[in-house]
Each structure stands twice: as C-alpha cells, then as structure tokens.
C-alpha cells in the first residue's frame, strides 16, 4: 500500500480544473487529455461539473503516483 495521496475531492481546485479556470501545463499526458475532455464535456453541457470532477478524481486516485507533480503544482498542499 502506497502512502501517496491526492487532494480531497471537495477542494475547489477540482471544480476549477474541469471548468477550465486553472491554466496548467500538465506533465502527465493522460491527465492532460482527461482534463481537456472534461473541459469540453462541461462546456458543452454533456457532463455535469460534479460528474466531471468525480471522473477526474477517480483517475487521479487510481494513478496517484503518476499525477503527484501536477497535483502539487495546482493544489500546493493537502
């Protein structure tokens, strides 16, 4: 079991990410693609903000180690 974590799902930054309010150059390509898709889906009302946050959170939780650098740059601490 790894002690690598990601920020709690209730942090406002998750919502800002999927709404496209946070401009960040992602080092993880898969995360970059997921965020881009979430931005498009939310903007076109295909997916609700809360569903987009949940989906992004789940992928980040699954690959917490791979997204650590991006999380630290966006969320700073948690």
C-alpha atoms as a PDB file:
ATOM      1  CA  UNK A   1       0.000   0.000   0.000  1.00  0.00           C
ATOM      2  CA  UNK A   2       1.379   3.364  -1.016  1.00  0.00           C
ATOM      3  CA  UNK A   3       1.128   6.460   1.129  1.00  0.00           C
ATOM      4  CA  UNK A   4       0.853   8.661  -1.958  1.00  0.00           C
ATOM      5  CA  UNK A   5      -2.375  10.640  -1.858  1.00  0.00           C
ATOM      6  CA  UNK A   6      -4.236  13.201  -3.908  1.00  0.00           C
ATOM      7  CA  UNK A   7      -6.176  16.228  -2.641  1.00  0.00           C
ATOM      8  CA  UNK A   8      -9.690  15.627  -1.256  1.00  0.00           C
ATOM      9  CA  UNK A   9     -12.483  15.698  -3.820  1.00  0.00           C
ATOM     10  CA  UNK A  10     -14.160  18.643  -2.074  1.00  0.00           C
ATOM     11  CA  UNK A  11     -11.286  21.040  -2.845  1.00  0.00           C
ATOM     12  CA  UNK A  12     -12.450  23.917  -5.090  1.00  0.00           C
ATOM     13  CA  UNK A  13      -9.480  23.379  -7.414  1.00  0.00           C
ATOM     14  CA  UNK A  14     -11.057  20.186  -8.821  1.00  0.00           C
ATOM     15  CA  UNK A  15     -14.085  22.196  -9.942  1.00  0.00           C
ATOM     16  CA  UNK A  16     -11.877  24.938 -11.387  1.00  0.00           C
ATOM     17  CA  UNK A  17      -9.866  22.341 -13.327  1.00  0.00           C
ATOM     18  CA  UNK A  18     -12.903  20.799 -15.032  1.00  0.00           C
ATOM     19  CA  UNK A  19     -14.423  24.229 -15.693  1.00  0.00           C
ATOM     20  CA  UNK A  20     -11.191  25.326 -17.386  1.00  0.00           C
ATOM     21  CA  UNK A  21     -10.416  28.062 -14.852  1.00  0.00           C
ATOM     22  CA  UNK A  22      -6.984  26.697 -13.966  1.00  0.00           C
ATOM     23  CA  UNK A  23      -4.398  27.058 -16.707  1.00  0.00           C
ATOM     24  CA  UNK A  24      -1.708  24.445 -16.132  1.00  0.00           C
ATOM     25  CA  UNK A  25       0.769  22.662 -18.385  1.00  0.00           C
ATOM     26  CA  UNK A  26       0.317  19.073 -17.267  1.00  0.00           C
ATOM     27  CA  UNK A  27       3.417  16.888 -17.110  1.00  0.00           C
ATOM     28  CA  UNK A  28       1.266  13.735 -17.216  1.00  0.00           C
ATOM     29  CA  UNK A  29      -0.085  13.308 -20.745  1.00  0.00           C
ATOM     30  CA  UNK A  30      -3.038  11.108 -19.759  1.00  0.00           C
ATOM     31  CA  UNK A  31      -4.087  13.657 -17.133  1.00  0.00           C
ATOM     32  CA  UNK A  32      -3.770  16.417 -19.724  1.00  0.00           C
ATOM     33  CA  UNK A  33      -6.077  14.522 -22.088  1.00  0.00           C
ATOM     34  CA  UNK A  34      -8.604  13.779 -19.321  1.00  0.00           C
ATOM     35  CA  UNK A  35      -8.705  17.436 -18.266  1.00  0.00           C
ATOM     36  CA  UNK A  36      -9.112  18.574 -21.872  1.00  0.00           C
ATOM     37  CA  UNK A  37     -12.010  16.153 -22.385  1.00  0.00           C
ATOM     38  CA  UNK A  38     -13.613  17.232 -19.099  1.00  0.00           C
ATOM     39  CA  UNK A  39     -13.343  20.897 -20.159  1.00  0.00           C
ATOM     40  CA  UNK A  40     -15.061  20.120 -23.466  1.00  0.00           C
ATOM     41  CA  UNK A  41     -17.778  17.989 -21.869  1.00  0.00           C
ATOM     42  CA  UNK A  42     -18.577  20.559 -19.176  1.00  0.00           C
ATOM     43  CA  UNK A  43     -18.555  23.447 -21.682  1.00  0.00           C
ATOM     44  CA  UNK A  44     -20.996  21.614 -23.966  1.00  0.00           C
ATOM     45  CA  UNK A  45     -23.195  20.516 -21.043  1.00  0.00           C
ATOM     46  CA  UNK A  46     -22.579  16.863 -21.961  1.00  0.00           C
ATOM     47  CA  UNK A  47     -21.428  16.149 -18.410  1.00  0.00           C
ATOM     48  CA  UNK A  48     -22.224  17.949 -15.161  1.00  0.00           C
ATOM     49  CA  UNK A  49     -19.413  19.645 -13.280  1.00  0.00           C
ATOM     50  CA  UNK A  50     -19.820  17.250 -10.352  1.00  0.00           C
ATOM     51  CA  UNK A  51     -19.668  14.181 -12.636  1.00  0.00           C
ATOM     52  CA  UNK A  52     -16.590  15.565 -14.394  1.00  0.00           C
ATOM     53  CA  UNK A  53     -14.908  16.204 -11.036  1.00  0.00           C
ATOM     54  CA  UNK A  54     -15.777  12.683  -9.866  1.00  0.00           C
ATOM     55  CA  UNK A  55     -14.388  11.119 -13.034  1.00  0.00           C
ATOM     56  CA  UNK A  56     -11.172  13.149 -12.913  1.00  0.00           C
ATOM     57  CA  UNK A  57     -10.748  12.489  -9.203  1.00  0.00           C
ATOM     58  CA  UNK A  58     -11.154   8.731  -9.703  1.00  0.00           C
ATOM     59  CA  UNK A  59      -8.488   8.556 -12.408  1.00  0.00           C
ATOM     60  CA  UNK A  60      -6.117  10.662 -10.313  1.00  0.00           C
ATOM     61  CA  UNK A  61      -6.778   8.488  -7.271  1.00  0.00           C
ATOM     62  CA  UNK A  62      -6.056   5.348  -9.286  1.00  0.00           C
ATOM     63  CA  UNK A  63      -2.790   6.766 -10.639  1.00  0.00           C
ATOM     64  CA  UNK A  64      -1.885   8.965  -7.654  1.00  0.00           C
ATOM     65  CA  UNK A  65       1.867   8.496  -8.020  1.00  0.00           C
ATOM     66  CA  UNK A  66       1.822   9.441 -11.714  1.00  0.00           C
ATOM     67  CA  UNK A  67      -0.089  12.690 -11.088  1.00  0.00           C
ATOM     68  CA  UNK A  68       1.772  13.842  -7.959  1.00  0.00           C
ATOM     69  CA  UNK A  69       3.807  16.568  -9.663  1.00  0.00           C
ATOM     70  CA  UNK A  70       0.746  18.130 -11.283  1.00  0.00           C
ATOM     71  CA  UNK A  71      -1.275  17.907  -8.056  1.00  0.00           C
ATOM     72  CA  UNK A  72       1.496  19.580  -6.066  1.00  0.00           C
ATOM     73  CA  UNK A  73       1.731  22.427  -8.562  1.00  0.00           C
ATOM     74  CA  UNK A  74      -2.026  23.017  -8.665  1.00  0.00           C
ATOM     75  CA  UNK A  75      -3.121  22.274  -5.093  1.00  0.00           C
ATOM     76  CA  UNK A  76       0.151  23.128  -3.284  1.00  0.00           C
ATOM     77  CA  UNK A  77      -0.717  21.223  -0.062  1.00  0.00           C
ATOM     78  CA  UNK A  78      -3.396  18.899   1.263  1.00  0.00           C
END
